[in-house]
Amino acid sequence: MASSKAHHATGFAAGVIAAAIVAHIGGGPLHPGVLLSFIAGVAGGTAPDWLEVAWWSRARRLWITHRTLTHWGIGWLALLAVSYHALGHSVYAAPAFGFACGGLMHLLADWPNPLGVPWIAGRHSLNLWNSGRCDLIIVAASWAAAWFISAHVGLHGAYGLPWLRHLRVG
């Protein structure tokens, strides 16, 4: 598990990714869905953890075991796919897409931890480091992804990887 600060930082990166994609599909940066997707992406970056808290009780304990249902990869991927296909057709699609981007970013940040995340049926871990370690790598990778995706969709590939066409194989 990444630290709380790392989940917040990666949530902001997820918000940038979601906003760039919504702006690309939705008709430009002034579309209201861009801001909504960004805000929802930031919230989604920490959502798998705060969705486990029983907010309706005074004790505010977890109502389900940590890293179970709220960390399930299939659920977040399904929300991402459904909301992506609804972009431009539903007012709720942009915030749902941003929330899904943030939730998936959270899972990717938790994946290197030995506890892992339940992507399909059982937990899977990359088993690279313990909780709270190497947060800088996670945050840097998320912001690199945010830069790459937003530059690619916002500038139509101008800053993507155009140099790859110059590489010769064999």
C-alpha atoms as a PDB file:
ATOM      1  CA  MET A   1       0.000   0.000   0.000  1.00  0.00           C
ATOM      2  CA  ALA A   2       1.285   3.375  -0.878  1.00  0.00           C
ATOM      3  CA  SER A   3       1.100   6.103   1.741  1.00  0.00           C
ATOM      4  CA  SER A   4      -1.862   8.451   1.989  1.00  0.00           C
ATOM      5  CA  LYS A   5       0.224  11.271   0.491  1.00  0.00           C
ATOM      6  CA  ALA A   6       1.182   9.057  -2.454  1.00  0.00           C
ATOM      7  CA  HIS A   7      -2.466   8.142  -3.077  1.00  0.00           C
ATOM      8  CA  HIS A   8      -3.390  11.838  -3.045  1.00  0.00           C
ATOM      9  CA  ALA A   9      -0.571  12.698  -5.478  1.00  0.00           C
ATOM     10  CA  THR A  10      -1.439   9.832  -7.816  1.00  0.00           C
ATOM     11  CA  GLY A  11      -5.102  10.836  -7.569  1.00  0.00           C
ATOM     12  CA  PHE A  12      -4.218  14.273  -8.909  1.00  0.00           C
ATOM     13  CA  ALA A  13      -2.346  12.602 -11.764  1.00  0.00           C
ATOM     14  CA  ALA A  14      -5.406  10.433 -12.455  1.00  0.00           C
ATOM     15  CA  GLY A  15      -7.532  13.584 -12.489  1.00  0.00           C
ATOM     16  CA  VAL A  16      -5.252  15.127 -15.112  1.00  0.00           C
ATOM     17  CA  ILE A  17      -5.468  11.961 -17.222  1.00  0.00           C
ATOM     18  CA  ALA A  18      -9.260  11.854 -16.972  1.00  0.00           C
ATOM     19  CA  ALA A  19      -9.628  15.577 -17.727  1.00  0.00           C
ATOM     20  CA  ALA A  20      -7.380  15.303 -20.793  1.00  0.00           C
ATOM     21  CA  ILE A  21      -9.342  12.372 -22.185  1.00  0.00           C
ATOM     22  CA  VAL A  22     -12.704  14.024 -21.477  1.00  0.00           C
ATOM     23  CA  ALA A  23     -11.501  17.256 -23.113  1.00  0.00           C
ATOM     24  CA  HIS A  24     -10.361  15.284 -26.143  1.00  0.00           C
ATOM     25  CA  ILE A  25     -13.626  13.371 -26.503  1.00  0.00           C
ATOM     26  CA  GLY A  26     -16.031  15.940 -25.080  1.00  0.00           C
ATOM     27  CA  GLY A  27     -15.199  18.895 -27.249  1.00  0.00           C
ATOM     28  CA  GLY A  28     -12.456  20.917 -25.629  1.00  0.00           C
ATOM     29  CA  PRO A  29     -11.024  22.182 -22.366  1.00  0.00           C
ATOM     30  CA  LEU A  30     -14.012  24.407 -21.556  1.00  0.00           C
ATOM     31  CA  HIS A  31     -16.437  21.493 -21.431  1.00  0.00           C
ATOM     32  CA  PRO A  32     -17.906  21.249 -17.875  1.00  0.00           C
ATOM     33  CA  GLY A  33     -17.130  17.537 -17.777  1.00  0.00           C
ATOM     34  CA  VAL A  34     -13.407  18.306 -17.804  1.00  0.00           C
ATOM     35  CA  LEU A  35     -13.483  19.914 -14.355  1.00  0.00           C
ATOM     36  CA  LEU A  36     -15.888  17.274 -13.025  1.00  0.00           C
ATOM     37  CA  SER A  37     -13.696  14.440 -14.266  1.00  0.00           C
ATOM     38  CA  PHE A  38     -10.625  16.045 -12.689  1.00  0.00           C
ATOM     39  CA  ILE A  39     -12.323  16.453  -9.296  1.00  0.00           C
ATOM     40  CA  ALA A  40     -13.694  12.912  -9.444  1.00  0.00           C
ATOM     41  CA  GLY A  41     -10.254  11.577 -10.420  1.00  0.00           C
ATOM     42  CA  VAL A  42      -8.712  13.182  -7.355  1.00  0.00           C
ATOM     43  CA  ALA A  43     -11.461  11.702  -5.158  1.00  0.00           C
ATOM     44  CA  GLY A  44     -11.119   8.318  -6.839  1.00  0.00           C
ATOM     45  CA  GLY A  45      -7.408   8.236  -6.029  1.00  0.00           C
ATOM     46  CA  THR A  46      -8.253   7.564  -2.386  1.00  0.00           C
ATOM     47  CA  ALA A  47     -11.700   6.013  -2.864  1.00  0.00           C
ATOM     48  CA  PRO A  48     -10.816   2.324  -2.472  1.00  0.00           C
ATOM     49  CA  ASP A  49      -9.720   3.098   1.099  1.00  0.00           C
ATOM     50  CA  TRP A  50     -12.478   5.493   2.212  1.00  0.00           C
ATOM     51  CA  LEU A  51     -15.229   3.362   0.665  1.00  0.00           C
ATOM     52  CA  GLU A  52     -14.346   0.681   3.238  1.00  0.00           C
ATOM     53  CA  VAL A  53     -15.248   2.942   6.172  1.00  0.00           C
ATOM     54  CA  ALA A  54     -18.691   2.566   7.722  1.00  0.00           C
ATOM     55  CA  TRP A  55     -19.561   6.277   7.636  1.00  0.00           C
ATOM     56  CA  TRP A  56     -23.070   5.557   8.937  1.00  0.00           C
ATOM     57  CA  SER A  57     -21.793   4.305  12.328  1.00  0.00           C
ATOM     58  CA  ARG A  58     -20.244   6.273  15.161  1.00  0.00           C
ATOM     59  CA  ALA A  59     -17.234   3.988  15.400  1.00  0.00           C
ATOM     60  CA  ARG A  60     -16.295   4.615  11.749  1.00  0.00           C
ATOM     61  CA  ARG A  61     -14.742   1.160  11.529  1.00  0.00           C
ATOM     62  CA  LEU A  62     -14.297  -0.762   8.319  1.00  0.00           C
ATOM     63  CA  TRP A  63     -17.486  -2.455   7.138  1.00  0.00           C
ATOM     64  CA  ILE A  64     -15.513  -4.837   4.920  1.00  0.00           C
ATOM     65  CA  THR A  65     -11.994  -6.206   5.073  1.00  0.00           C
ATOM     66  CA  HIS A  66      -9.295  -3.950   3.668  1.00  0.00           C
ATOM     67  CA  ARG A  67      -8.351  -4.639   0.043  1.00  0.00           C
ATOM     68  CA  THR A  68     -11.342  -6.737  -0.824  1.00  0.00           C
ATOM     69  CA  LEU A  69     -14.411  -5.478  -2.708  1.00  0.00           C
ATOM     70  CA  THR A  70     -13.355  -1.817  -2.947  1.00  0.00           C
ATOM     71  CA  HIS A  71      -9.956  -2.818  -4.346  1.00  0.00           C
ATOM     72  CA  TRP A  72     -11.356  -5.276  -6.906  1.00  0.00           C
ATOM     73  CA  GLY A  73      -9.821  -4.526 -10.303  1.00  0.00           C
ATOM     74  CA  ILE A  74     -12.687  -5.872 -12.418  1.00  0.00           C
ATOM     75  CA  GLY A  75     -15.143  -3.448 -10.818  1.00  0.00           C
ATOM     76  CA  TRP A  76     -12.953  -0.417 -11.467  1.00  0.00           C
ATOM     77  CA  LEU A  77     -12.181  -1.545 -15.024  1.00  0.00           C
ATOM     78  CA  ALA A  78     -15.894  -2.076 -15.708  1.00  0.00           C
ATOM     79  CA  LEU A  79     -16.718   1.418 -14.429  1.00  0.00           C
ATOM     80  CA  LEU A  80     -13.933   2.841 -16.599  1.00  0.00           C
ATOM     81  CA  ALA A  81     -15.148   1.053 -19.749  1.00  0.00           C
ATOM     82  CA  VAL A  82     -18.844   1.845 -19.273  1.00  0.00           C
ATOM     83  CA  SER A  83     -18.225   5.499 -18.432  1.00  0.00           C
ATOM     84  CA  TYR A  84     -15.755   5.893 -21.315  1.00  0.00           C
ATOM     85  CA  HIS A  85     -18.333   4.642 -23.801  1.00  0.00           C
ATOM     86  CA  ALA A  86     -20.936   6.977 -22.305  1.00  0.00           C
ATOM     87  CA  LEU A  87     -18.736  10.094 -22.642  1.00  0.00           C
ATOM     88  CA  GLY A  88     -20.610  12.625 -24.730  1.00  0.00           C
ATOM     89  CA  HIS A  89     -23.933  10.846 -24.154  1.00  0.00           C
ATOM     90  CA  SER A  90     -24.506  11.250 -20.413  1.00  0.00           C
ATOM     91  CA  VAL A  91     -23.839  14.072 -17.983  1.00  0.00           C
ATOM     92  CA  TYR A  92     -22.709  11.491 -15.397  1.00  0.00           C
ATOM     93  CA  ALA A  93     -20.130   9.856 -17.642  1.00  0.00           C
ATOM     94  CA  ALA A  94     -17.316  12.377 -17.140  1.00  0.00           C
ATOM     95  CA  PRO A  95     -17.285  12.254 -13.318  1.00  0.00           C
ATOM     96  CA  ALA A  96     -17.724   8.470 -13.374  1.00  0.00           C
ATOM     97  CA  PHE A  97     -14.796   8.202 -15.790  1.00  0.00           C
ATOM     98  CA  GLY A  98     -12.619  10.404 -13.578  1.00  0.00           C
ATOM     99  CA  PHE A  99     -13.584   8.417 -10.477  1.00  0.00           C
ATOM    100  CA  ALA A 100     -12.678   5.171 -12.243  1.00  0.00           C
ATOM    101  CA  CYS A 101      -9.320   6.601 -13.383  1.00  0.00           C
ATOM    102  CA  GLY A 102      -8.540   7.552  -9.791  1.00  0.00           C
ATOM    103  CA  GLY A 103      -9.616   4.165  -8.449  1.00  0.00           C
ATOM    104  CA  LEU A 104      -7.457   2.321 -10.963  1.00  0.00           C
ATOM    105  CA  MET A 105      -4.513   4.573 -10.159  1.00  0.00           C
ATOM    106  CA  HIS A 106      -4.991   3.637  -6.493  1.00  0.00           C
ATOM    107  CA  LEU A 107      -4.878  -0.066  -7.355  1.00  0.00           C
ATOM    108  CA  LEU A 108      -1.749   0.409  -9.451  1.00  0.00           C
ATOM    109  CA  ALA A 109      -0.097   2.191  -6.517  1.00  0.00           C
ATOM    110  CA  ASP A 110      -1.012  -0.679  -4.161  1.00  0.00           C
ATOM    111  CA  TRP A 111       0.001  -3.450  -6.566  1.00  0.00           C
ATOM    112  CA  PRO A 112       3.781  -3.509  -5.801  1.00  0.00           C
ATOM    113  CA  ASN A 113       3.034  -4.156  -2.105  1.00  0.00           C
ATOM    114  CA  PRO A 114       3.275  -7.778  -0.863  1.00  0.00           C
ATOM    115  CA  LEU A 115      -0.431  -7.686   0.105  1.00  0.00           C
ATOM    116  CA  GLY A 116      -1.339  -6.994  -3.519  1.00  0.00           C
ATOM    117  CA  VAL A 117      -4.774  -6.297  -4.940  1.00  0.00           C
ATOM    118  CA  PRO A 118      -7.590  -8.606  -6.115  1.00  0.00           C
ATOM    119  CA  TRP A 119      -7.531  -7.952  -9.861  1.00  0.00           C
ATOM    120  CA  ILE A 120      -9.747 -10.845 -10.955  1.00  0.00           C
ATOM    121  CA  ALA A 121     -10.429 -13.567  -8.396  1.00  0.00           C
ATOM    122  CA  GLY A 122      -7.491 -13.697  -6.003  1.00  0.00           C
ATOM    123  CA  ARG A 123      -4.934 -11.215  -4.853  1.00  0.00           C
ATOM    124  CA  HIS A 124      -1.918 -10.570  -7.006  1.00  0.00           C
ATOM    125  CA  SER A 125       1.200  -8.719  -5.940  1.00  0.00           C
ATOM    126  CA  LEU A 126       4.276  -7.554  -7.780  1.00  0.00           C
ATOM    127  CA  ASN A 127       6.023  -8.032  -4.412  1.00  0.00           C
ATOM    128  CA  LEU A 128       8.526  -5.240  -5.043  1.00  0.00           C
ATOM    129  CA  TRP A 129       8.530  -3.367  -1.714  1.00  0.00           C
ATOM    130  CA  ASN A 130       6.704  -2.962   1.585  1.00  0.00           C
ATOM    131  CA  SER A 131       4.028  -0.377   2.359  1.00  0.00           C
ATOM    132  CA  GLY A 132       5.087   3.241   2.255  1.00  0.00           C
ATOM    133  CA  ARG A 133       8.422   2.491   0.612  1.00  0.00           C
ATOM    134  CA  CYS A 134       9.337   3.852  -2.811  1.00  0.00           C
ATOM    135  CA  ASP A 135       6.399   6.262  -2.926  1.00  0.00           C
ATOM    136  CA  LEU A 136       8.486   8.583  -5.069  1.00  0.00           C
ATOM    137  CA  ILE A 137       8.646   5.917  -7.790  1.00  0.00           C
ATOM    138  CA  ILE A 138       4.858   5.473  -7.724  1.00  0.00           C
ATOM    139  CA  VAL A 139       4.175   9.214  -7.816  1.00  0.00           C
ATOM    140  CA  ALA A 140       6.759   9.839 -10.551  1.00  0.00           C
ATOM    141  CA  ALA A 141       5.357   7.009 -12.673  1.00  0.00           C
ATOM    142  CA  SER A 142       1.795   8.298 -12.293  1.00  0.00           C
ATOM    143  CA  TRP A 143       2.797  11.834 -13.289  1.00  0.00           C
ATOM    144  CA  ALA A 144       4.836  10.517 -16.212  1.00  0.00           C
ATOM    145  CA  ALA A 145       1.718   8.657 -17.364  1.00  0.00           C
ATOM    146  CA  ALA A 146      -0.345  11.832 -16.885  1.00  0.00           C
ATOM    147  CA  TRP A 147       2.112  13.843 -18.971  1.00  0.00           C
ATOM    148  CA  PHE A 148       2.298  11.229 -21.703  1.00  0.00           C
ATOM    149  CA  ILE A 149      -1.473  10.707 -21.977  1.00  0.00           C
ATOM    150  CA  SER A 150      -2.429  14.377 -21.747  1.00  0.00           C
ATOM    151  CA  ALA A 151       0.256  15.369 -24.252  1.00  0.00           C
ATOM    152  CA  HIS A 152      -0.780  12.564 -26.577  1.00  0.00           C
ATOM    153  CA  VAL A 153      -4.534  13.263 -26.562  1.00  0.00           C
ATOM    154  CA  GLY A 154      -4.269  17.025 -26.120  1.00  0.00           C
ATOM    155  CA  LEU A 155      -1.617  17.619 -28.731  1.00  0.00           C
ATOM    156  CA  HIS A 156      -2.556  14.760 -31.034  1.00  0.00           C
ATOM    157  CA  GLY A 157       0.654  12.859 -30.401  1.00  0.00           C
ATOM    158  CA  ALA A 158       3.009  15.820 -30.741  1.00  0.00           C
ATOM    159  CA  TYR A 159       4.859  14.909 -27.551  1.00  0.00           C
ATOM    160  CA  GLY A 160       3.978  11.237 -27.409  1.00  0.00           C
ATOM    161  CA  LEU A 161       6.675   8.963 -28.717  1.00  0.00           C
ATOM    162  CA  PRO A 162       7.193  10.217 -32.276  1.00  0.00           C
ATOM    163  CA  TRP A 163      10.853   9.246 -32.130  1.00  0.00           C
ATOM    164  CA  LEU A 164       9.832   5.567 -32.212  1.00  0.00           C
ATOM    165  CA  ARG A 165       9.200   5.792 -35.945  1.00  0.00           C
ATOM    166  CA  HIS A 166      12.928   6.443 -36.423  1.00  0.00           C
ATOM    167  CA  LEU A 167      13.993   3.214 -34.738  1.00  0.00           C
ATOM    168  CA  ARG A 168      14.935   0.383 -37.038  1.00  0.00           C
ATOM    169  CA  VAL A 169      14.285  -3.202 -36.014  1.00  0.00           C
ATOM    170  CA  GLY A 170      16.719  -5.762 -37.333  1.00  0.00           C
END
